[in-house]
């Protein structure tokens, strides 16, 4: 269990740090040539900063079934920052500063450090929210570490400390980008801020001449597989409903099993059709006149585990087909020939 940390003012803490540094002052030219006060400050402040990052990561790793990518990131942070703490402590010992001083834990760093209430919130978070909260807090935490490292790069002197500071800036900048993508996986596809269901609706309704050639989005029964211009794939899970898209036709169609929101095109574009869907018990799920999108498809959000009958009527013609929304069922129907 954590203990409440007393807070010192920044000015008094800095004064005490310089006293602890001992040989780092201008009165000892030989030591001053190797390191300076900024190096001591960097090492002293970064130790508790790293310790808190590890504590935060431990909470996530102990939470049970969390997002695997978040768990992998938490372990990565632990593996990187644990050895850095030992290196920082070694420098302080070499410089005559006490690396075990309580001062390091009593400072009000401000630089991205979580408060006691922040840590309590993370510790109390359930599995449904701990991944999100961890990412949000760690982004702020990393931003503070980057600020501290940049100050070291501007004011420090000790070559190894400058190297570590540069490595922190590079690694944690990359990790921030990863965390932001985990928080909003659709942002890199121009769909930031949308749920995956909202993203499906937007992509389905986008006119053909406005669609990106750099994105493929394939709807599966339980997820959407996104492939960007760089060829990298990301799956985003769907919620409680099943997305079924269908394209009735008269003369031409194509084979399809998993609907592509960005490449599938049907024959009857922007066309009104009467659509009825009843379940196995005869209950009506859909009974509407719907207009196909510019890609010729009509999309429906349906309850999972449904078995029913789909009827489409257009221009005196009709088609009837059995549909189901199970874990192995198609999300794309293109064999609906009107007659």
C-alpha atoms as a PDB file:
ATOM      1  CA  UNK A   1       0.000   0.000   0.000  1.00  0.00           C
ATOM      2  CA  UNK A   2       1.278   3.435  -0.865  1.00  0.00           C
ATOM      3  CA  UNK A   3       1.978   6.021   1.836  1.00  0.00           C
ATOM      4  CA  UNK A   4       1.084   9.676   1.572  1.00  0.00           C
ATOM      5  CA  UNK A   5       4.026  11.752   0.509  1.00  0.00           C
ATOM      6  CA  UNK A   6       4.715  15.095   2.186  1.00  0.00           C
ATOM      7  CA  UNK A   7       5.200  17.910  -0.346  1.00  0.00           C
ATOM      8  CA  UNK A   8       7.997  20.459  -0.258  1.00  0.00           C
ATOM      9  CA  UNK A   9       8.099  23.712  -2.170  1.00  0.00           C
ATOM     10  CA  UNK A  10      10.150  23.613  -5.353  1.00  0.00           C
ATOM     11  CA  UNK A  11      12.573  26.257  -4.134  1.00  0.00           C
ATOM     12  CA  UNK A  12      13.366  24.533  -0.830  1.00  0.00           C
ATOM     13  CA  UNK A  13      13.658  21.183  -2.560  1.00  0.00           C
ATOM     14  CA  UNK A  14      16.094  22.600  -5.101  1.00  0.00           C
ATOM     15  CA  UNK A  15      18.231  24.114  -2.347  1.00  0.00           C
ATOM     16  CA  UNK A  16      18.367  20.804  -0.522  1.00  0.00           C
ATOM     17  CA  UNK A  17      19.236  18.988  -3.724  1.00  0.00           C
ATOM     18  CA  UNK A  18      22.219  21.219  -4.341  1.00  0.00           C
ATOM     19  CA  UNK A  19      23.423  20.585  -0.805  1.00  0.00           C
ATOM     20  CA  UNK A  20      23.088  16.857  -1.376  1.00  0.00           C
ATOM     21  CA  UNK A  21      25.028  17.134  -4.626  1.00  0.00           C
ATOM     22  CA  UNK A  22      28.116  18.200  -2.658  1.00  0.00           C
ATOM     23  CA  UNK A  23      30.890  17.966  -5.249  1.00  0.00           C
ATOM     24  CA  UNK A  24      28.709  19.288  -8.051  1.00  0.00           C
ATOM     25  CA  UNK A  25      29.352  22.961  -7.240  1.00  0.00           C
ATOM     26  CA  UNK A  26      31.751  25.397  -8.866  1.00  0.00           C
ATOM     27  CA  UNK A  27      34.168  25.084  -5.927  1.00  0.00           C
ATOM     28  CA  UNK A  28      35.228  21.635  -7.170  1.00  0.00           C
ATOM     29  CA  UNK A  29      36.380  22.168 -10.770  1.00  0.00           C
ATOM     30  CA  UNK A  30      37.392  18.529 -11.432  1.00  0.00           C
ATOM     31  CA  UNK A  31      33.972  17.150 -10.521  1.00  0.00           C
ATOM     32  CA  UNK A  32      32.223  20.065 -12.197  1.00  0.00           C
ATOM     33  CA  UNK A  33      33.898  19.160 -15.472  1.00  0.00           C
ATOM     34  CA  UNK A  34      32.211  15.747 -15.388  1.00  0.00           C
ATOM     35  CA  UNK A  35      28.739  16.786 -14.285  1.00  0.00           C
ATOM     36  CA  UNK A  36      26.791  19.792 -13.054  1.00  0.00           C
ATOM     37  CA  UNK A  37      23.794  20.688 -10.914  1.00  0.00           C
ATOM     38  CA  UNK A  38      21.377  20.013 -13.796  1.00  0.00           C
ATOM     39  CA  UNK A  39      22.666  16.442 -14.034  1.00  0.00           C
ATOM     40  CA  UNK A  40      22.089  15.920 -10.315  1.00  0.00           C
ATOM     41  CA  UNK A  41      18.596  17.385 -10.552  1.00  0.00           C
ATOM     42  CA  UNK A  42      17.786  15.195 -13.565  1.00  0.00           C
ATOM     43  CA  UNK A  43      18.907  11.983 -11.864  1.00  0.00           C
ATOM     44  CA  UNK A  44      17.274  12.820  -8.537  1.00  0.00           C
ATOM     45  CA  UNK A  45      13.902  13.727 -10.031  1.00  0.00           C
ATOM     46  CA  UNK A  46      13.806  10.978 -12.629  1.00  0.00           C
ATOM     47  CA  UNK A  47      14.167   8.167 -10.071  1.00  0.00           C
ATOM     48  CA  UNK A  48      10.787   8.680  -8.323  1.00  0.00           C
ATOM     49  CA  UNK A  49       9.251   9.548 -11.679  1.00  0.00           C
ATOM     50  CA  UNK A  50      10.318   6.169 -13.057  1.00  0.00           C
ATOM     51  CA  UNK A  51       9.301   4.441  -9.828  1.00  0.00           C
ATOM     52  CA  UNK A  52       5.779   5.765 -10.165  1.00  0.00           C
ATOM     53  CA  UNK A  53       5.585   4.641 -13.800  1.00  0.00           C
ATOM     54  CA  UNK A  54       6.524   1.139 -12.661  1.00  0.00           C
ATOM     55  CA  UNK A  55       3.952   1.270  -9.861  1.00  0.00           C
ATOM     56  CA  UNK A  56       1.277   2.292 -12.373  1.00  0.00           C
ATOM     57  CA  UNK A  57       2.331  -0.502 -14.719  1.00  0.00           C
ATOM     58  CA  UNK A  58       2.248  -3.046 -11.901  1.00  0.00           C
ATOM     59  CA  UNK A  59      -1.353  -2.104 -11.138  1.00  0.00           C
ATOM     60  CA  UNK A  60      -2.352  -2.771 -14.737  1.00  0.00           C
ATOM     61  CA  UNK A  61      -0.432  -6.039 -14.967  1.00  0.00           C
ATOM     62  CA  UNK A  62      -2.055  -7.255 -11.755  1.00  0.00           C
ATOM     63  CA  UNK A  63      -5.563  -6.350 -12.907  1.00  0.00           C
ATOM     64  CA  UNK A  64      -6.205  -9.595 -14.749  1.00  0.00           C
ATOM     65  CA  UNK A  65      -7.682  -9.621 -18.223  1.00  0.00           C
ATOM     66  CA  UNK A  66      -6.786  -6.225 -19.661  1.00  0.00           C
ATOM     67  CA  UNK A  67      -6.186  -5.246 -23.292  1.00  0.00           C
ATOM     68  CA  UNK A  68      -3.168  -7.363 -24.365  1.00  0.00           C
ATOM     69  CA  UNK A  69      -1.581  -4.403 -26.128  1.00  0.00           C
ATOM     70  CA  UNK A  70      -1.880  -2.304 -22.971  1.00  0.00           C
ATOM     71  CA  UNK A  71      -0.372  -5.104 -20.889  1.00  0.00           C
ATOM     72  CA  UNK A  72       2.505  -5.407 -23.367  1.00  0.00           C
ATOM     73  CA  UNK A  73       3.128  -1.665 -23.160  1.00  0.00           C
ATOM     74  CA  UNK A  74       3.074  -1.726 -19.351  1.00  0.00           C
ATOM     75  CA  UNK A  75       5.654  -4.515 -19.309  1.00  0.00           C
ATOM     76  CA  UNK A  76       7.769  -2.619 -21.842  1.00  0.00           C
ATOM     77  CA  UNK A  77       7.759   0.465 -19.617  1.00  0.00           C
ATOM     78  CA  UNK A  78       8.770  -1.608 -16.586  1.00  0.00           C
ATOM     79  CA  UNK A  79      11.574  -3.332 -18.475  1.00  0.00           C
ATOM     80  CA  UNK A  80      12.991  -0.020 -19.714  1.00  0.00           C
ATOM     81  CA  UNK A  81      12.694   2.098 -16.607  1.00  0.00           C
ATOM     82  CA  UNK A  82      13.784  -0.416 -13.962  1.00  0.00           C
ATOM     83  CA  UNK A  83      17.396  -0.588 -15.213  1.00  0.00           C
ATOM     84  CA  UNK A  84      17.447   3.182 -15.726  1.00  0.00           C
ATOM     85  CA  UNK A  85      16.615   3.677 -12.033  1.00  0.00           C
ATOM     86  CA  UNK A  86      19.645   1.596 -11.060  1.00  0.00           C
ATOM     87  CA  UNK A  87      21.853   3.601 -13.415  1.00  0.00           C
ATOM     88  CA  UNK A  88      20.562   6.895 -12.018  1.00  0.00           C
ATOM     89  CA  UNK A  89      21.189   5.733  -8.440  1.00  0.00           C
ATOM     90  CA  UNK A  90      24.736   4.781  -9.385  1.00  0.00           C
ATOM     91  CA  UNK A  91      25.428   8.235 -10.770  1.00  0.00           C
ATOM     92  CA  UNK A  92      24.143   9.918  -7.620  1.00  0.00           C
ATOM     93  CA  UNK A  93      26.369   7.704  -5.479  1.00  0.00           C
ATOM     94  CA  UNK A  94      29.372   8.574  -7.656  1.00  0.00           C
ATOM     95  CA  UNK A  95      28.560  12.260  -7.317  1.00  0.00           C
ATOM     96  CA  UNK A  96      28.202  12.136  -3.550  1.00  0.00           C
ATOM     97  CA  UNK A  97      24.432  12.665  -3.553  1.00  0.00           C
ATOM     98  CA  UNK A  98      22.420  10.240  -1.434  1.00  0.00           C
ATOM     99  CA  UNK A  99      20.289   8.216  -3.873  1.00  0.00           C
ATOM    100  CA  UNK A 100      18.161   6.854  -1.032  1.00  0.00           C
ATOM    101  CA  UNK A 101      17.308  10.284   0.349  1.00  0.00           C
ATOM    102  CA  UNK A 102      13.653  10.738   1.315  1.00  0.00           C
ATOM    103  CA  UNK A 103      13.851  14.061  -0.466  1.00  0.00           C
ATOM    104  CA  UNK A 104      13.384  12.344  -3.787  1.00  0.00           C
ATOM    105  CA  UNK A 105      10.029  11.014  -2.634  1.00  0.00           C
ATOM    106  CA  UNK A 106       8.923  14.191  -0.866  1.00  0.00           C
ATOM    107  CA  UNK A 107       9.314  16.589  -3.786  1.00  0.00           C
ATOM    108  CA  UNK A 108       6.292  18.068  -5.501  1.00  0.00           C
ATOM    109  CA  UNK A 109       7.644  17.343  -8.966  1.00  0.00           C
ATOM    110  CA  UNK A 110       4.686  18.486 -11.008  1.00  0.00           C
ATOM    111  CA  UNK A 111       6.346  17.015 -14.099  1.00  0.00           C
ATOM    112  CA  UNK A 112       3.640  14.523 -15.007  1.00  0.00           C
ATOM    113  CA  UNK A 113       3.545  12.902 -11.563  1.00  0.00           C
ATOM    114  CA  UNK A 114       0.207  11.430 -10.550  1.00  0.00           C
ATOM    115  CA  UNK A 115      -1.328  12.603  -7.295  1.00  0.00           C
ATOM    116  CA  UNK A 116      -2.305  10.193  -4.538  1.00  0.00           C
ATOM    117  CA  UNK A 117      -5.935  10.481  -5.646  1.00  0.00           C
ATOM    118  CA  UNK A 118      -4.906   9.677  -9.232  1.00  0.00           C
ATOM    119  CA  UNK A 119      -3.110   6.552  -8.055  1.00  0.00           C
ATOM    120  CA  UNK A 120      -6.040   5.561  -5.854  1.00  0.00           C
ATOM    121  CA  UNK A 121      -8.367   5.910  -8.850  1.00  0.00           C
ATOM    122  CA  UNK A 122      -6.121   3.700 -10.974  1.00  0.00           C
ATOM    123  CA  UNK A 123      -5.849   1.094  -8.205  1.00  0.00           C
ATOM    124  CA  UNK A 124      -9.621   1.007  -7.759  1.00  0.00           C
ATOM    125  CA  UNK A 125     -10.414   0.870 -11.486  1.00  0.00           C
ATOM    126  CA  UNK A 126     -12.173  -2.227 -12.752  1.00  0.00           C
ATOM    127  CA  UNK A 127     -11.100  -4.250 -15.769  1.00  0.00           C
ATOM    128  CA  UNK A 128     -13.484  -2.331 -18.006  1.00  0.00           C
ATOM    129  CA  UNK A 129     -11.797   0.999 -17.340  1.00  0.00           C
ATOM    130  CA  UNK A 130      -8.251   0.394 -16.078  1.00  0.00           C
ATOM    131  CA  UNK A 131      -6.691   0.180 -19.552  1.00  0.00           C
ATOM    132  CA  UNK A 132      -8.179   3.510 -20.609  1.00  0.00           C
ATOM    133  CA  UNK A 133      -7.287   5.226 -17.341  1.00  0.00           C
ATOM    134  CA  UNK A 134      -3.739   3.856 -17.398  1.00  0.00           C
ATOM    135  CA  UNK A 135      -3.176   5.143 -20.936  1.00  0.00           C
ATOM    136  CA  UNK A 136      -4.602   8.571 -20.154  1.00  0.00           C
ATOM    137  CA  UNK A 137      -2.469   8.913 -17.013  1.00  0.00           C
ATOM    138  CA  UNK A 138       0.680   7.513 -18.596  1.00  0.00           C
ATOM    139  CA  UNK A 139       0.488   9.961 -21.499  1.00  0.00           C
ATOM    140  CA  UNK A 140       0.609  12.834 -18.990  1.00  0.00           C
ATOM    141  CA  UNK A 141       3.346  11.031 -17.050  1.00  0.00           C
ATOM    142  CA  UNK A 142       5.452  10.538 -20.188  1.00  0.00           C
ATOM    143  CA  UNK A 143       4.984  14.159 -21.229  1.00  0.00           C
ATOM    144  CA  UNK A 144       6.424  15.194 -17.857  1.00  0.00           C
ATOM    145  CA  UNK A 145       9.398  12.864 -18.286  1.00  0.00           C
ATOM    146  CA  UNK A 146      10.062  14.280 -21.750  1.00  0.00           C
ATOM    147  CA  UNK A 147      10.030  17.828 -20.357  1.00  0.00           C
ATOM    148  CA  UNK A 148      12.541  16.801 -17.672  1.00  0.00           C
ATOM    149  CA  UNK A 149      14.747  15.081 -20.245  1.00  0.00           C
ATOM    150  CA  UNK A 150      14.676  18.075 -22.560  1.00  0.00           C
ATOM    151  CA  UNK A 151      15.766  20.299 -19.672  1.00  0.00           C
ATOM    152  CA  UNK A 152      18.686  17.933 -19.091  1.00  0.00           C
ATOM    153  CA  UNK A 153      19.618  18.117 -22.772  1.00  0.00           C
ATOM    154  CA  UNK A 154      19.598  21.920 -22.603  1.00  0.00           C
ATOM    155  CA  UNK A 155      21.381  22.362 -19.258  1.00  0.00           C
ATOM    156  CA  UNK A 156      23.163  19.113 -18.365  1.00  0.00           C
ATOM    157  CA  UNK A 157      26.804  18.189 -18.891  1.00  0.00           C
ATOM    158  CA  UNK A 158      27.361  14.533 -17.964  1.00  0.00           C
ATOM    159  CA  UNK A 159      27.584  12.624 -21.289  1.00  0.00           C
ATOM    160  CA  UNK A 160      25.834   9.462 -20.086  1.00  0.00           C
ATOM    161  CA  UNK A 161      22.986  11.490 -18.565  1.00  0.00           C
ATOM    162  CA  UNK A 162      22.597  13.387 -21.823  1.00  0.00           C
ATOM    163  CA  UNK A 163      22.440  10.066 -23.651  1.00  0.00           C
ATOM    164  CA  UNK A 164      19.769   8.744 -21.319  1.00  0.00           C
ATOM    165  CA  UNK A 165      17.772  11.953 -21.653  1.00  0.00           C
ATOM    166  CA  UNK A 166      17.835  11.669 -25.432  1.00  0.00           C
ATOM    167  CA  UNK A 167      16.771   8.017 -25.233  1.00  0.00           C
ATOM    168  CA  UNK A 168      13.877   8.956 -22.906  1.00  0.00           C
ATOM    169  CA  UNK A 169      12.659  11.623 -25.328  1.00  0.00           C
ATOM    170  CA  UNK A 170      12.766   9.216 -28.284  1.00  0.00           C
ATOM    171  CA  UNK A 171      11.263   6.177 -26.539  1.00  0.00           C
ATOM    172  CA  UNK A 172       8.531   7.972 -24.635  1.00  0.00           C
ATOM    173  CA  UNK A 173       7.502  10.108 -27.613  1.00  0.00           C
ATOM    174  CA  UNK A 174       6.965   6.875 -29.531  1.00  0.00           C
ATOM    175  CA  UNK A 175       5.092   5.328 -26.621  1.00  0.00           C
ATOM    176  CA  UNK A 176       2.809   8.371 -26.371  1.00  0.00           C
ATOM    177  CA  UNK A 177       1.906   7.899 -30.045  1.00  0.00           C
ATOM    178  CA  UNK A 178       1.171   4.224 -29.341  1.00  0.00           C
ATOM    179  CA  UNK A 179      -0.987   5.079 -26.321  1.00  0.00           C
ATOM    180  CA  UNK A 180      -2.979   7.672 -28.244  1.00  0.00           C
ATOM    181  CA  UNK A 181      -3.610   5.118 -30.968  1.00  0.00           C
ATOM    182  CA  UNK A 182      -4.744   2.579 -28.377  1.00  0.00           C
ATOM    183  CA  UNK A 183      -7.126   5.145 -26.910  1.00  0.00           C
ATOM    184  CA  UNK A 184      -8.461   6.081 -30.348  1.00  0.00           C
ATOM    185  CA  UNK A 185      -7.482   3.349 -32.810  1.00  0.00           C
ATOM    186  CA  UNK A 186      -9.484   4.918 -35.643  1.00  0.00           C
ATOM    187  CA  UNK A 187      -7.741   8.291 -35.552  1.00  0.00           C
ATOM    188  CA  UNK A 188      -4.996   7.220 -37.934  1.00  0.00           C
ATOM    189  CA  UNK A 189      -7.665   6.423 -40.538  1.00  0.00           C
ATOM    190  CA  UNK A 190      -9.286   9.849 -40.384  1.00  0.00           C
ATOM    191  CA  UNK A 191     -12.046   8.505 -38.124  1.00  0.00           C
ATOM    192  CA  UNK A 192     -10.862   9.928 -34.809  1.00  0.00           C
ATOM    193  CA  UNK A 193     -13.435  10.365 -32.078  1.00  0.00           C
ATOM    194  CA  UNK A 194     -15.857   7.846 -33.580  1.00  0.00           C
ATOM    195  CA  UNK A 195     -16.957   4.531 -32.189  1.00  0.00           C
ATOM    196  CA  UNK A 196     -16.370   1.611 -34.519  1.00  0.00           C
ATOM    197  CA  UNK A 197     -20.131   1.518 -35.189  1.00  0.00           C
ATOM    198  CA  UNK A 198     -20.120   5.203 -36.135  1.00  0.00           C
ATOM    199  CA  UNK A 199     -17.071   4.607 -38.333  1.00  0.00           C
ATOM    200  CA  UNK A 200     -18.873   1.806 -40.188  1.00  0.00           C
ATOM    201  CA  UNK A 201     -21.880   4.031 -40.820  1.00  0.00           C
ATOM    202  CA  UNK A 202     -19.696   6.870 -42.059  1.00  0.00           C
ATOM    203  CA  UNK A 203     -17.621   4.701 -44.396  1.00  0.00           C
ATOM    204  CA  UNK A 204     -20.709   2.929 -45.763  1.00  0.00           C
ATOM    205  CA  UNK A 205     -22.375   6.249 -46.552  1.00  0.00           C
ATOM    206  CA  UNK A 206     -19.315   7.962 -48.049  1.00  0.00           C
ATOM    207  CA  UNK A 207     -19.831   8.683 -51.774  1.00  0.00           C
ATOM    208  CA  UNK A 208     -17.648   6.593 -54.054  1.00  0.00           C
ATOM    209  CA  UNK A 209     -15.701   9.598 -55.330  1.00  0.00           C
ATOM    210  CA  UNK A 210     -14.890  10.611 -51.749  1.00  0.00           C
ATOM    211  CA  UNK A 211     -13.449   7.282 -50.598  1.00  0.00           C
ATOM    212  CA  UNK A 212      -9.806   6.903 -49.689  1.00  0.00           C
ATOM    213  CA  UNK A 213      -7.775   4.523 -51.827  1.00  0.00           C
ATOM    214  CA  UNK A 214      -5.397   4.102 -48.886  1.00  0.00           C
ATOM    215  CA  UNK A 215      -7.869   2.385 -46.555  1.00  0.00           C
ATOM    216  CA  UNK A 216      -9.472  -1.059 -46.557  1.00  0.00           C
ATOM    217  CA  UNK A 217     -12.083  -1.758 -43.904  1.00  0.00           C
ATOM    218  CA  UNK A 218     -13.467  -5.299 -43.795  1.00  0.00           C
ATOM    219  CA  UNK A 219     -16.426  -6.067 -41.531  1.00  0.00           C
ATOM    220  CA  UNK A 220     -16.245  -9.412 -39.755  1.00  0.00           C
ATOM    221  CA  UNK A 221     -18.906 -10.851 -37.431  1.00  0.00           C
ATOM    222  CA  UNK A 222     -17.127  -9.654 -34.284  1.00  0.00           C
ATOM    223  CA  UNK A 223     -14.679  -7.022 -35.466  1.00  0.00           C
ATOM    224  CA  UNK A 224     -13.585  -4.716 -38.250  1.00  0.00           C
ATOM    225  CA  UNK A 225     -10.203  -5.268 -39.881  1.00  0.00           C
ATOM    226  CA  UNK A 226      -8.606  -1.976 -40.933  1.00  0.00           C
ATOM    227  CA  UNK A 227      -5.618  -1.904 -43.299  1.00  0.00           C
ATOM    228  CA  UNK A 228      -3.878   1.417 -43.891  1.00  0.00           C
ATOM    229  CA  UNK A 229      -1.638   2.678 -46.663  1.00  0.00           C
ATOM    230  CA  UNK A 230       1.399   1.230 -44.894  1.00  0.00           C
ATOM    231  CA  UNK A 231      -0.103  -2.256 -45.023  1.00  0.00           C
ATOM    232  CA  UNK A 232      -0.384  -2.526 -41.260  1.00  0.00           C
ATOM    233  CA  UNK A 233      -3.558  -4.169 -39.979  1.00  0.00           C
ATOM    234  CA  UNK A 234      -5.572  -3.356 -36.881  1.00  0.00           C
ATOM    235  CA  UNK A 235      -8.697  -5.082 -35.647  1.00  0.00           C
ATOM    236  CA  UNK A 236     -11.296  -3.163 -33.672  1.00  0.00           C
ATOM    237  CA  UNK A 237     -13.963  -5.222 -31.872  1.00  0.00           C
ATOM    238  CA  UNK A 238     -17.638  -4.660 -32.510  1.00  0.00           C
ATOM    239  CA  UNK A 239     -20.208  -4.310 -29.778  1.00  0.00           C
ATOM    240  CA  UNK A 240     -23.440  -6.147 -29.082  1.00  0.00           C
ATOM    241  CA  UNK A 241     -24.929  -5.884 -32.580  1.00  0.00           C
ATOM    242  CA  UNK A 242     -24.103  -7.631 -35.869  1.00  0.00           C
ATOM    243  CA  UNK A 243     -23.591  -5.545 -39.014  1.00  0.00           C
ATOM    244  CA  UNK A 244     -25.119  -7.055 -42.166  1.00  0.00           C
ATOM    245  CA  UNK A 245     -24.764  -5.306 -45.508  1.00  0.00           C
ATOM    246  CA  UNK A 246     -26.571  -6.467 -48.645  1.00  0.00           C
ATOM    247  CA  UNK A 247     -26.711  -5.419 -52.301  1.00  0.00           C
ATOM    248  CA  UNK A 248     -29.725  -6.660 -54.280  1.00  0.00           C
ATOM    249  CA  UNK A 249     -29.147  -6.757 -58.030  1.00  0.00           C
ATOM    250  CA  UNK A 250     -30.857  -7.284 -61.363  1.00  0.00           C
ATOM    251  CA  UNK A 251     -28.063  -7.973 -63.839  1.00  0.00           C
ATOM    252  CA  UNK A 252     -24.650  -7.976 -62.172  1.00  0.00           C
ATOM    253  CA  UNK A 253     -23.038  -8.689 -58.828  1.00  0.00           C
ATOM    254  CA  UNK A 254     -19.847 -10.009 -57.248  1.00  0.00           C
ATOM    255  CA  UNK A 255     -18.953 -12.685 -54.712  1.00  0.00           C
ATOM    256  CA  UNK A 256     -18.554 -11.482 -51.151  1.00  0.00           C
ATOM    257  CA  UNK A 257     -18.496 -12.944 -47.636  1.00  0.00           C
ATOM    258  CA  UNK A 258     -17.004 -10.217 -45.425  1.00  0.00           C
ATOM    259  CA  UNK A 259     -18.227  -6.794 -46.464  1.00  0.00           C
ATOM    260  CA  UNK A 260     -15.610  -4.258 -47.496  1.00  0.00           C
ATOM    261  CA  UNK A 261     -16.753  -0.771 -46.559  1.00  0.00           C
ATOM    262  CA  UNK A 262     -14.257   0.781 -48.960  1.00  0.00           C
ATOM    263  CA  UNK A 263     -14.208  -1.455 -52.045  1.00  0.00           C
ATOM    264  CA  UNK A 264     -17.531  -3.327 -52.382  1.00  0.00           C
ATOM    265  CA  UNK A 265     -19.833  -1.812 -55.017  1.00  0.00           C
ATOM    266  CA  UNK A 266     -23.286  -3.084 -55.946  1.00  0.00           C
ATOM    267  CA  UNK A 267     -25.442  -2.501 -58.997  1.00  0.00           C
ATOM    268  CA  UNK A 268     -28.379  -0.547 -57.541  1.00  0.00           C
ATOM    269  CA  UNK A 269     -26.831   2.631 -56.180  1.00  0.00           C
ATOM    270  CA  UNK A 270     -28.888   5.290 -54.368  1.00  0.00           C
ATOM    271  CA  UNK A 271     -32.063   3.295 -54.965  1.00  0.00           C
ATOM    272  CA  UNK A 272     -35.189   3.014 -52.797  1.00  0.00           C
ATOM    273  CA  UNK A 273     -36.231  -0.530 -51.838  1.00  0.00           C
ATOM    274  CA  UNK A 274     -38.802  -1.991 -49.458  1.00  0.00           C
ATOM    275  CA  UNK A 275     -36.968  -4.097 -46.864  1.00  0.00           C
ATOM    276  CA  UNK A 276     -38.567  -6.535 -44.422  1.00  0.00           C
ATOM    277  CA  UNK A 277     -36.767  -8.779 -41.955  1.00  0.00           C
ATOM    278  CA  UNK A 278     -38.568 -11.201 -39.654  1.00  0.00           C
ATOM    279  CA  UNK A 279     -37.007 -13.577 -37.141  1.00  0.00           C
ATOM    280  CA  UNK A 280     -37.636 -17.321 -36.890  1.00  0.00           C
ATOM    281  CA  UNK A 281     -40.701 -16.691 -34.722  1.00  0.00           C
ATOM    282  CA  UNK A 282     -42.200 -14.281 -37.230  1.00  0.00           C
ATOM    283  CA  UNK A 283     -41.452 -11.151 -35.219  1.00  0.00           C
ATOM    284  CA  UNK A 284     -40.731  -8.157 -37.431  1.00  0.00           C
ATOM    285  CA  UNK A 285     -37.258  -6.698 -36.941  1.00  0.00           C
ATOM    286  CA  UNK A 286     -37.202  -4.368 -39.961  1.00  0.00           C
ATOM    287  CA  UNK A 287     -40.052  -3.091 -42.115  1.00  0.00           C
ATOM    288  CA  UNK A 288     -38.976   0.052 -43.931  1.00  0.00           C
ATOM    289  CA  UNK A 289     -38.379   1.664 -47.279  1.00  0.00           C
ATOM    290  CA  UNK A 290     -34.608   2.123 -47.359  1.00  0.00           C
ATOM    291  CA  UNK A 291     -32.296   3.785 -49.864  1.00  0.00           C
ATOM    292  CA  UNK A 292     -29.094   2.042 -50.839  1.00  0.00           C
ATOM    293  CA  UNK A 293     -25.879   3.975 -50.354  1.00  0.00           C
ATOM    294  CA  UNK A 294     -23.721   5.255 -53.185  1.00  0.00           C
ATOM    295  CA  UNK A 295     -21.948   1.880 -53.136  1.00  0.00           C
ATOM    296  CA  UNK A 296     -25.220   0.035 -53.798  1.00  0.00           C
ATOM    297  CA  UNK A 297     -25.394  -1.534 -50.319  1.00  0.00           C
ATOM    298  CA  UNK A 298     -27.906  -1.265 -47.496  1.00  0.00           C
ATOM    299  CA  UNK A 299     -26.557  -1.878 -44.000  1.00  0.00           C
ATOM    300  CA  UNK A 300     -28.504  -3.139 -41.001  1.00  0.00           C
ATOM    301  CA  UNK A 301     -27.517  -3.400 -37.326  1.00  0.00           C
ATOM    302  CA  UNK A 302     -29.118  -6.588 -36.049  1.00  0.00           C
ATOM    303  CA  UNK A 303     -29.236  -8.568 -32.802  1.00  0.00           C
ATOM    304  CA  UNK A 304     -26.587 -11.277 -32.647  1.00  0.00           C
ATOM    305  CA  UNK A 305     -27.753 -14.864 -32.834  1.00  0.00           C
ATOM    306  CA  UNK A 306     -30.716 -14.012 -35.047  1.00  0.00           C
ATOM    307  CA  UNK A 307     -32.080 -16.368 -37.692  1.00  0.00           C
ATOM    308  CA  UNK A 308     -34.657 -14.897 -39.996  1.00  0.00           C
ATOM    309  CA  UNK A 309     -35.959 -14.089 -43.436  1.00  0.00           C
ATOM    310  CA  UNK A 310     -35.001 -11.026 -45.489  1.00  0.00           C
ATOM    311  CA  UNK A 311     -37.358  -9.767 -48.192  1.00  0.00           C
ATOM    312  CA  UNK A 312     -36.435  -6.973 -50.613  1.00  0.00           C
ATOM    313  CA  UNK A 313     -38.866  -5.455 -53.138  1.00  0.00           C
ATOM    314  CA  UNK A 314     -37.948  -3.087 -55.963  1.00  0.00           C
ATOM    315  CA  UNK A 315     -39.703  -1.975 -59.148  1.00  0.00           C
ATOM    316  CA  UNK A 316     -42.159  -4.856 -59.130  1.00  0.00           C
ATOM    317  CA  UNK A 317     -39.435  -7.415 -58.410  1.00  0.00           C
ATOM    318  CA  UNK A 318     -38.502  -9.120 -55.169  1.00  0.00           C
ATOM    319  CA  UNK A 319     -36.049 -11.515 -53.549  1.00  0.00           C
ATOM    320  CA  UNK A 320     -36.297 -13.583 -50.370  1.00  0.00           C
ATOM    321  CA  UNK A 321     -33.294 -14.991 -48.496  1.00  0.00           C
ATOM    322  CA  UNK A 322     -32.507 -16.652 -45.194  1.00  0.00           C
ATOM    323  CA  UNK A 323     -30.145 -14.684 -42.973  1.00  0.00           C
ATOM    324  CA  UNK A 324     -28.363 -15.375 -39.719  1.00  0.00           C
ATOM    325  CA  UNK A 325     -26.102 -13.345 -37.464  1.00  0.00           C
ATOM    326  CA  UNK A 326     -23.857 -15.879 -35.776  1.00  0.00           C
ATOM    327  CA  UNK A 327     -20.140 -15.848 -35.116  1.00  0.00           C
ATOM    328  CA  UNK A 328     -19.316 -17.546 -38.446  1.00  0.00           C
ATOM    329  CA  UNK A 329     -21.923 -15.930 -40.670  1.00  0.00           C
ATOM    330  CA  UNK A 330     -21.301 -13.604 -43.619  1.00  0.00           C
ATOM    331  CA  UNK A 331     -21.553  -9.865 -43.211  1.00  0.00           C
ATOM    332  CA  UNK A 332     -22.036  -9.316 -46.944  1.00  0.00           C
ATOM    333  CA  UNK A 333     -24.912 -10.602 -49.081  1.00  0.00           C
ATOM    334  CA  UNK A 334     -24.523 -10.135 -52.836  1.00  0.00           C
ATOM    335  CA  UNK A 335     -26.518 -13.115 -54.174  1.00  0.00           C
ATOM    336  CA  UNK A 336     -29.906 -11.367 -53.841  1.00  0.00           C
ATOM    337  CA  UNK A 337     -31.131 -11.392 -57.442  1.00  0.00           C
ATOM    338  CA  UNK A 338     -34.374  -9.508 -57.918  1.00  0.00           C
ATOM    339  CA  UNK A 339     -36.936 -11.097 -60.206  1.00  0.00           C
END
